[in-house]
């Protein structure tokens, strides 16, 4: 998420997370069946279908090719995020804080859970991806400095370069500082050797951090599956709710 977008979405999610608690202070049993209650309900339900459309477009190649000719996936993702938060807020307005039926309670609870899980996962995944990108940039710089230091060692003393070469790998870098002795008589050689070891340690730390972040990023595949499953449960409950509203009469249009 961009910074401004992240602030806006965070504010909306916080509002949603707190707004549903309004039933502790306010209840309007007839609002859901009123004209404005119906407008909020229909508008919110319509917006909640946007994330479903995004899911279909993203995973069905034919739809994706047709839609992305006019609208980029980045724009569709922004619509998905905003609609996935604003829609549930309108739905909560529609309830009038009246949570009595098991279906209504389940639908409201699942709506809040899906929004919070989607926001948390999206925010954390964005942060982790950004950190990995920054660390890879730092790693490239450190590797360049390390190779430059090795070249300087080759110039002043080839034997010390041979001692450093075994510590080029990831795990060997972790042990490099413990096994490489920097007991030199020449001040310049000692300084270059120390720099090489410190760079090697820093590279090892960054490589380990990147591997850890990559592992966590892969774990978000499981989060995505759970989020999609919860969303399907939410849409099923929403379908039942719409059916019940039609079955028992659309009072707000009468």
Protein backbone atom coordinates (compact mmCIF):
# COMPACT_ATOMS: atom_id res chain seq x y z
CA UNK A 1 0.00 0.00 0.00
CA UNK A 2 1.06 3.57 -0.63
CA UNK A 3 1.41 5.68 2.49
CA UNK A 4 -1.72 7.79 1.92
CA UNK A 5 -3.76 4.75 0.93
CA UNK A 6 -2.51 2.83 3.97
CA UNK A 7 -3.53 5.67 6.33
CA UNK A 8 -6.99 5.93 4.75
CA UNK A 9 -7.65 2.19 4.83
CA UNK A 10 -6.31 1.90 8.38
CA UNK A 11 -8.69 4.64 9.51
CA UNK A 12 -11.66 2.95 7.82
CA UNK A 13 -10.79 -0.45 9.31
CA UNK A 14 -10.43 1.06 12.80
CA UNK A 15 -13.82 2.75 12.35
CA UNK A 16 -15.35 -0.58 11.30
CA UNK A 17 -13.74 -2.42 14.22
CA UNK A 18 -15.19 0.09 16.70
CA UNK A 19 -18.49 0.90 14.99
CA UNK A 20 -20.01 -2.55 15.35
CA UNK A 21 -19.67 -2.15 19.15
CA UNK A 22 -22.29 0.60 18.92
CA UNK A 23 -24.98 -1.95 19.81
CA UNK A 24 -23.85 -1.52 23.42
CA UNK A 25 -25.20 2.04 23.34
CA UNK A 26 -27.68 2.17 20.48
CA UNK A 27 -30.22 -0.10 18.80
CA UNK A 28 -32.76 0.72 16.10
CA UNK A 29 -34.94 -2.37 15.52
CA UNK A 30 -36.83 -0.83 12.58
CA UNK A 31 -33.94 0.87 10.73
CA UNK A 32 -32.88 -2.21 8.72
CA UNK A 33 -36.36 -2.43 7.23
CA UNK A 34 -36.65 1.29 6.46
CA UNK A 35 -35.95 2.99 3.15
CA UNK A 36 -32.50 4.28 4.19
CA UNK A 37 -31.72 0.99 5.87
CA UNK A 38 -32.45 -0.74 2.57
CA UNK A 39 -30.32 1.72 0.63
CA UNK A 40 -27.37 1.10 2.97
CA UNK A 41 -27.92 -2.66 2.80
CA UNK A 42 -28.15 -2.88 -1.00
CA UNK A 43 -25.23 -0.47 -1.51
CA UNK A 44 -23.04 -2.31 0.99
CA UNK A 45 -23.87 -5.73 -0.44
CA UNK A 46 -23.12 -4.50 -3.96
CA UNK A 47 -19.73 -3.14 -2.91
CA UNK A 48 -18.95 -6.40 -1.11
CA UNK A 49 -19.28 -8.18 -4.46
CA UNK A 50 -16.38 -6.15 -5.91
CA UNK A 51 -13.72 -8.25 -4.09
CA UNK A 52 -15.41 -11.39 -5.47
CA UNK A 53 -15.21 -9.95 -8.98
CA UNK A 54 -11.52 -9.13 -8.41
CA UNK A 55 -10.89 -12.71 -7.25
CA UNK A 56 -12.50 -14.11 -10.41
CA UNK A 57 -10.70 -11.70 -12.74
CA UNK A 58 -7.34 -12.41 -11.11
CA UNK A 59 -7.67 -16.19 -11.44
CA UNK A 60 -9.54 -16.60 -14.72
CA UNK A 61 -7.10 -15.89 -17.53
CA UNK A 62 -9.75 -14.99 -20.12
CA UNK A 63 -11.39 -12.41 -17.88
CA UNK A 64 -8.02 -11.04 -16.80
CA UNK A 65 -6.85 -10.46 -20.36
CA UNK A 66 -10.13 -8.78 -21.33
CA UNK A 67 -10.36 -6.51 -18.27
CA UNK A 68 -6.70 -5.50 -17.99
CA UNK A 69 -6.81 -4.05 -21.50
CA UNK A 70 -8.76 -1.17 -19.99
CA UNK A 71 -8.00 -1.33 -16.24
CA UNK A 72 -4.70 -2.36 -14.63
CA UNK A 73 -4.57 -5.01 -11.91
CA UNK A 74 -3.14 -2.37 -9.55
CA UNK A 75 -6.29 -0.26 -10.03
CA UNK A 76 -8.49 -3.32 -9.58
CA UNK A 77 -6.65 -4.14 -6.38
CA UNK A 78 -7.31 -0.61 -5.07
CA UNK A 79 -11.01 -1.02 -5.88
CA UNK A 80 -10.95 -4.38 -4.13
CA UNK A 81 -9.42 -2.89 -0.98
CA UNK A 82 -11.69 0.17 -0.74
CA UNK A 83 -14.88 -1.70 -1.66
CA UNK A 84 -13.93 -4.47 0.77
CA UNK A 85 -13.90 -1.95 3.63
CA UNK A 86 -16.57 0.62 2.67
CA UNK A 87 -19.11 -2.10 1.77
CA UNK A 88 -19.03 -3.72 5.22
CA UNK A 89 -19.28 -0.27 6.88
CA UNK A 90 -22.48 0.44 4.94
CA UNK A 91 -23.77 -3.01 5.88
CA UNK A 92 -23.16 -2.25 9.55
CA UNK A 93 -25.13 0.99 9.14
CA UNK A 94 -27.90 -1.13 7.59
CA UNK A 95 -28.15 -3.32 10.72
CA UNK A 96 -29.08 -0.39 12.97
CA UNK A 97 -27.07 -2.27 15.63
CA UNK A 98 -29.86 -4.81 15.92
CA UNK A 99 -28.21 -8.22 16.23
CA UNK A 100 -30.88 -10.74 17.18
CA UNK A 101 -31.18 -13.46 14.53
CA UNK A 102 -28.46 -16.14 14.34
CA UNK A 103 -28.02 -15.41 10.62
CA UNK A 104 -27.61 -11.68 11.23
CA UNK A 105 -25.11 -12.25 14.04
CA UNK A 106 -23.12 -14.77 11.97
CA UNK A 107 -23.11 -12.48 8.92
CA UNK A 108 -21.98 -9.44 10.92
CA UNK A 109 -19.28 -11.40 12.75
CA UNK A 110 -17.95 -12.94 9.54
CA UNK A 111 -17.95 -9.53 7.83
CA UNK A 112 -15.76 -8.03 10.55
CA UNK A 113 -13.46 -11.10 10.60
CA UNK A 114 -12.97 -11.08 6.83
CA UNK A 115 -12.18 -7.36 6.75
CA UNK A 116 -9.70 -7.61 9.64
CA UNK A 117 -8.01 -10.72 8.23
CA UNK A 118 -7.73 -9.15 4.79
CA UNK A 119 -6.35 -5.88 6.13
CA UNK A 120 -3.86 -7.57 8.47
CA UNK A 121 -2.57 -9.94 5.82
CA UNK A 122 -2.34 -7.28 3.12
CA UNK A 123 -0.58 -4.81 5.41
CA UNK A 124 1.93 -7.33 6.76
CA UNK A 125 2.61 -8.80 3.33
CA UNK A 126 3.24 -5.32 1.95
CA UNK A 127 5.63 -4.49 4.76
CA UNK A 128 7.52 -7.76 4.41
CA UNK A 129 7.81 -7.39 0.63
CA UNK A 130 9.14 -3.85 1.07
CA UNK A 131 11.65 -4.97 3.69
CA UNK A 132 12.88 -7.79 1.44
CA UNK A 133 13.34 -5.32 -1.42
CA UNK A 134 15.29 -2.91 0.81
CA UNK A 135 17.45 -5.70 2.23
CA UNK A 136 18.27 -7.04 -1.23
CA UNK A 137 19.39 -3.56 -2.25
CA UNK A 138 21.60 -3.35 0.85
CA UNK A 139 22.94 -6.84 0.14
CA UNK A 140 23.96 -5.87 -3.38
CA UNK A 141 25.88 -2.90 -1.97
CA UNK A 142 27.61 -5.01 0.68
CA UNK A 143 28.54 -7.69 -1.87
CA UNK A 144 30.08 -5.02 -4.09
CA UNK A 145 32.08 -3.65 -1.13
CA UNK A 146 33.14 -7.18 -0.16
CA UNK A 147 34.42 -7.94 -3.67
CA UNK A 148 36.26 -4.62 -3.69
CA UNK A 149 37.89 -5.49 -0.35
CA UNK A 150 38.91 -8.91 -1.67
CA UNK A 151 40.52 -7.22 -4.66
CA UNK A 152 42.51 -4.95 -2.34
CA UNK A 153 43.66 -8.00 -0.38
CA UNK A 154 44.76 -9.67 -3.60
CA UNK A 155 46.87 -6.61 -4.30
CA UNK A 156 48.59 -6.44 -0.91
CA UNK A 157 48.70 -10.11 0.17
CA UNK A 158 47.33 -13.05 -1.79
CA UNK A 159 47.65 -15.51 1.12
CA UNK A 160 44.99 -13.69 3.15
CA UNK A 161 42.68 -13.68 0.15
CA UNK A 162 42.94 -17.46 0.07
CA UNK A 163 41.94 -17.57 3.74
CA UNK A 164 38.85 -15.45 3.06
CA UNK A 165 37.63 -17.35 -0.01
CA UNK A 166 36.25 -20.36 1.95
CA UNK A 167 33.89 -17.94 3.73
CA UNK A 168 32.05 -16.85 0.58
CA UNK A 169 29.03 -19.10 1.23
CA UNK A 170 26.00 -18.27 3.38
CA UNK A 171 26.58 -20.62 6.33
CA UNK A 172 30.36 -20.31 6.19
CA UNK A 173 30.00 -16.51 6.50
CA UNK A 174 28.24 -17.05 9.82
CA UNK A 175 31.41 -18.76 11.11
CA UNK A 176 33.94 -16.64 9.26
CA UNK A 177 34.59 -14.25 12.12
CA UNK A 178 35.32 -17.11 14.51
CA UNK A 179 37.77 -18.97 12.26
CA UNK A 180 39.60 -16.18 10.48
CA UNK A 181 42.41 -14.77 12.59
CA UNK A 182 43.42 -11.20 11.96
CA UNK A 183 46.77 -11.09 13.66
CA UNK A 184 48.85 -9.11 11.23
CA UNK A 185 51.96 -7.07 11.62
CA UNK A 186 51.11 -4.77 8.73
CA UNK A 187 48.58 -2.15 9.79
CA UNK A 188 47.04 -1.79 6.30
CA UNK A 189 46.59 -5.53 5.87
CA UNK A 190 45.00 -5.83 9.31
CA UNK A 191 42.58 -3.01 8.53
CA UNK A 192 41.52 -4.55 5.21
CA UNK A 193 41.15 -7.97 6.84
CA UNK A 194 38.94 -6.56 9.59
CA UNK A 195 36.81 -4.78 7.01
CA UNK A 196 36.43 -8.00 5.03
CA UNK A 197 35.29 -9.90 8.13
CA UNK A 198 32.81 -7.19 9.15
CA UNK A 199 31.40 -7.08 5.63
CA UNK A 200 31.16 -10.85 5.60
CA UNK A 201 29.28 -10.81 8.93
CA UNK A 202 26.91 -8.10 7.68
CA UNK A 203 26.26 -10.05 4.47
CA UNK A 204 25.55 -13.21 6.47
CA UNK A 205 23.10 -11.33 8.71
CA UNK A 206 21.28 -9.84 5.71
CA UNK A 207 21.13 -13.17 3.87
CA UNK A 208 19.68 -14.83 6.97
CA UNK A 209 17.12 -12.02 7.37
CA UNK A 210 16.09 -12.30 3.72
CA UNK A 211 15.71 -16.08 3.99
CA UNK A 212 13.56 -15.61 7.12
CA UNK A 213 11.40 -12.99 5.42
CA UNK A 214 11.03 -15.23 2.35
CA UNK A 215 9.86 -18.06 4.59
CA UNK A 216 7.29 -15.80 6.26
CA UNK A 217 6.17 -14.54 2.86
CA UNK A 218 5.58 -18.11 1.71
CA UNK A 219 3.51 -18.69 4.85
CA UNK A 220 1.13 -15.98 3.64
CA UNK A 221 0.04 -18.42 0.95
CA UNK A 222 -1.75 -20.28 3.76
CA UNK A 223 -3.19 -16.98 5.02
CA UNK A 224 -4.53 -16.21 1.55
CA UNK A 225 -6.27 -19.58 1.37
CA UNK A 226 -7.85 -19.03 4.77
CA UNK A 227 -8.93 -15.50 3.81
CA UNK A 228 -10.53 -16.75 0.58
CA UNK A 229 -12.30 -19.56 2.48
CA UNK A 230 -13.67 -17.09 5.04
CA UNK A 231 -14.78 -14.83 2.19
CA UNK A 232 -16.69 -17.70 0.57
CA UNK A 233 -18.42 -18.39 3.89
CA UNK A 234 -19.29 -14.69 4.09
CA UNK A 235 -20.79 -14.67 0.58
CA UNK A 236 -22.81 -17.79 1.40
CA UNK A 237 -24.25 -16.11 4.51
CA UNK A 238 -24.89 -12.95 2.49
CA UNK A 239 -26.80 -14.99 -0.11
CA UNK A 240 -28.94 -16.54 2.62
CA UNK A 241 -29.58 -13.09 4.08
CA UNK A 242 -30.65 -11.69 0.70
CA UNK A 243 -32.90 -14.70 0.12
CA UNK A 244 -34.51 -14.21 3.54
CA UNK A 245 -35.09 -10.52 2.82
CA UNK A 246 -36.79 -11.35 -0.50
CA UNK A 247 -38.72 -14.26 0.99
CA UNK A 248 -40.14 -12.26 3.88
CA UNK A 249 -40.73 -9.15 1.81
CA UNK A 250 -38.75 -6.08 0.86
CA UNK A 251 -40.51 -3.81 3.33
CA UNK A 252 -38.37 -0.76 2.57
CA UNK A 253 -39.67 -0.68 -1.03
CA UNK A 254 -43.32 -1.08 -0.08
